[in-house]
Amino acid sequence: MKFDSNGKSVLLHNLGLSPLELVLASVLRVKAYVYGCFERYLYRCAISNERKVLANLTDKELKDIGIDRVQAIHESQRQFSDVPINRGD
């Protein structure tokens, strides 16, 4: 880190932010990151629950939604982390 002749950080001076403002900005970035992680986790939980329900549907119910037993089993066995990028929700 570089300092000016008064001993203040050049970076802080150039940004016009006090040390407290920098800490608050960092905290907000961390909060946004954690919230995003939690949101993705909840999304994955919802997909996992849908797959469990899909595995327990009857053949008639599967036919109503246009898939067969093999497709349902294949989908229900996908990994927790294997989620669609865009479901159209």
Protein backbone atom coordinates (compact mmCIF):
# COMPACT_ATOMS: atom_id res chain seq x y z
CA MET A 1 0.00 0.00 0.00
CA LYS A 2 1.29 3.45 -0.85
CA PHE A 3 1.11 6.43 1.52
CA ASP A 4 1.21 10.18 0.90
CA SER A 5 3.38 12.68 2.77
CA ASN A 6 0.81 12.85 5.60
CA GLY A 7 0.91 9.10 6.13
CA LYS A 8 -2.55 8.51 4.65
CA SER A 9 -3.15 5.68 2.25
CA VAL A 10 -3.08 6.88 -1.36
CA LEU A 11 -5.75 4.31 -2.22
CA LEU A 12 -8.10 5.59 0.48
CA HIS A 13 -7.41 9.17 -0.52
CA ASN A 14 -7.99 8.48 -4.22
CA LEU A 15 -11.30 6.77 -3.52
CA GLY A 16 -12.35 9.45 -1.08
CA LEU A 17 -13.40 6.79 1.44
CA SER A 18 -12.60 6.70 5.11
CA PRO A 19 -11.37 3.43 6.63
CA LEU A 20 -14.80 2.94 8.19
CA GLU A 21 -16.50 3.38 4.82
CA LEU A 22 -14.14 0.81 3.31
CA VAL A 23 -14.96 -1.67 6.08
CA LEU A 24 -18.68 -1.10 5.59
CA ALA A 25 -18.34 -1.59 1.83
CA SER A 26 -16.46 -4.85 2.45
CA VAL A 27 -19.11 -6.05 4.88
CA LEU A 28 -21.83 -5.34 2.33
CA ARG A 29 -19.94 -7.30 -0.34
CA VAL A 30 -19.54 -10.26 2.02
CA LYS A 31 -23.22 -10.05 2.96
CA ALA A 32 -24.24 -10.10 -0.71
CA TYR A 33 -21.95 -13.08 -1.36
CA VAL A 34 -23.32 -15.06 1.61
CA TYR A 35 -26.91 -14.23 0.65
CA GLY A 36 -26.22 -15.41 -2.90
CA CYS A 37 -24.76 -18.69 -1.63
CA PHE A 38 -27.76 -19.25 0.64
CA GLU A 39 -30.16 -18.46 -2.20
CA ARG A 40 -28.42 -21.01 -4.49
CA TYR A 41 -28.55 -23.60 -1.68
CA LEU A 42 -32.31 -23.08 -1.24
CA TYR A 43 -32.79 -23.37 -5.01
CA ARG A 44 -30.90 -26.66 -5.03
CA CYS A 45 -33.01 -27.93 -2.09
CA ALA A 46 -36.19 -27.11 -4.01
CA ILE A 47 -34.94 -28.95 -7.11
CA SER A 48 -33.94 -31.93 -4.97
CA ASN A 49 -37.41 -32.06 -3.39
CA GLU A 50 -39.05 -31.89 -6.82
CA ARG A 51 -36.93 -34.82 -7.96
CA LYS A 52 -38.02 -36.86 -4.93
CA VAL A 53 -41.66 -36.15 -5.73
CA LEU A 54 -41.07 -37.04 -9.38
CA ALA A 55 -39.63 -40.42 -8.39
CA ASN A 56 -42.82 -41.24 -6.47
CA LEU A 57 -45.36 -40.33 -9.15
CA THR A 58 -47.51 -43.08 -10.63
CA ASP A 59 -47.21 -44.07 -14.28
CA LYS A 60 -50.50 -42.30 -14.99
CA GLU A 61 -49.24 -39.08 -13.38
CA LEU A 62 -45.97 -39.30 -15.31
CA LYS A 63 -47.91 -39.77 -18.54
CA ASP A 64 -49.93 -36.63 -17.70
CA ILE A 65 -46.73 -34.56 -17.59
CA GLY A 66 -45.31 -36.23 -20.69
CA ILE A 67 -42.47 -38.36 -19.35
CA ASP A 68 -42.02 -42.08 -18.79
CA ARG A 69 -40.72 -44.03 -15.78
CA VAL A 70 -37.15 -44.27 -17.18
CA GLN A 71 -36.92 -40.49 -17.62
CA ALA A 72 -38.34 -39.94 -14.14
CA ILE A 73 -35.82 -42.29 -12.56
CA HIS A 74 -32.97 -40.72 -14.50
CA GLU A 75 -34.00 -37.21 -13.38
CA SER A 76 -34.54 -38.25 -9.76
CA GLN A 77 -31.03 -39.73 -9.55
CA ARG A 78 -29.23 -36.54 -10.61
CA GLN A 79 -26.79 -35.05 -8.10
CA PHE A 80 -27.81 -32.31 -5.66
CA SER A 81 -25.37 -29.94 -7.36
CA ASP A 82 -26.66 -30.80 -10.87
CA VAL A 83 -29.24 -28.08 -11.39
CA PRO A 84 -30.57 -26.55 -14.59
CA ILE A 85 -29.14 -23.15 -15.47
CA ASN A 86 -32.47 -21.77 -16.60
CA ARG A 87 -35.77 -23.45 -15.82
CA GLY A 88 -37.88 -20.64 -17.18
CA ASP A 89 -39.10 -19.65 -13.71
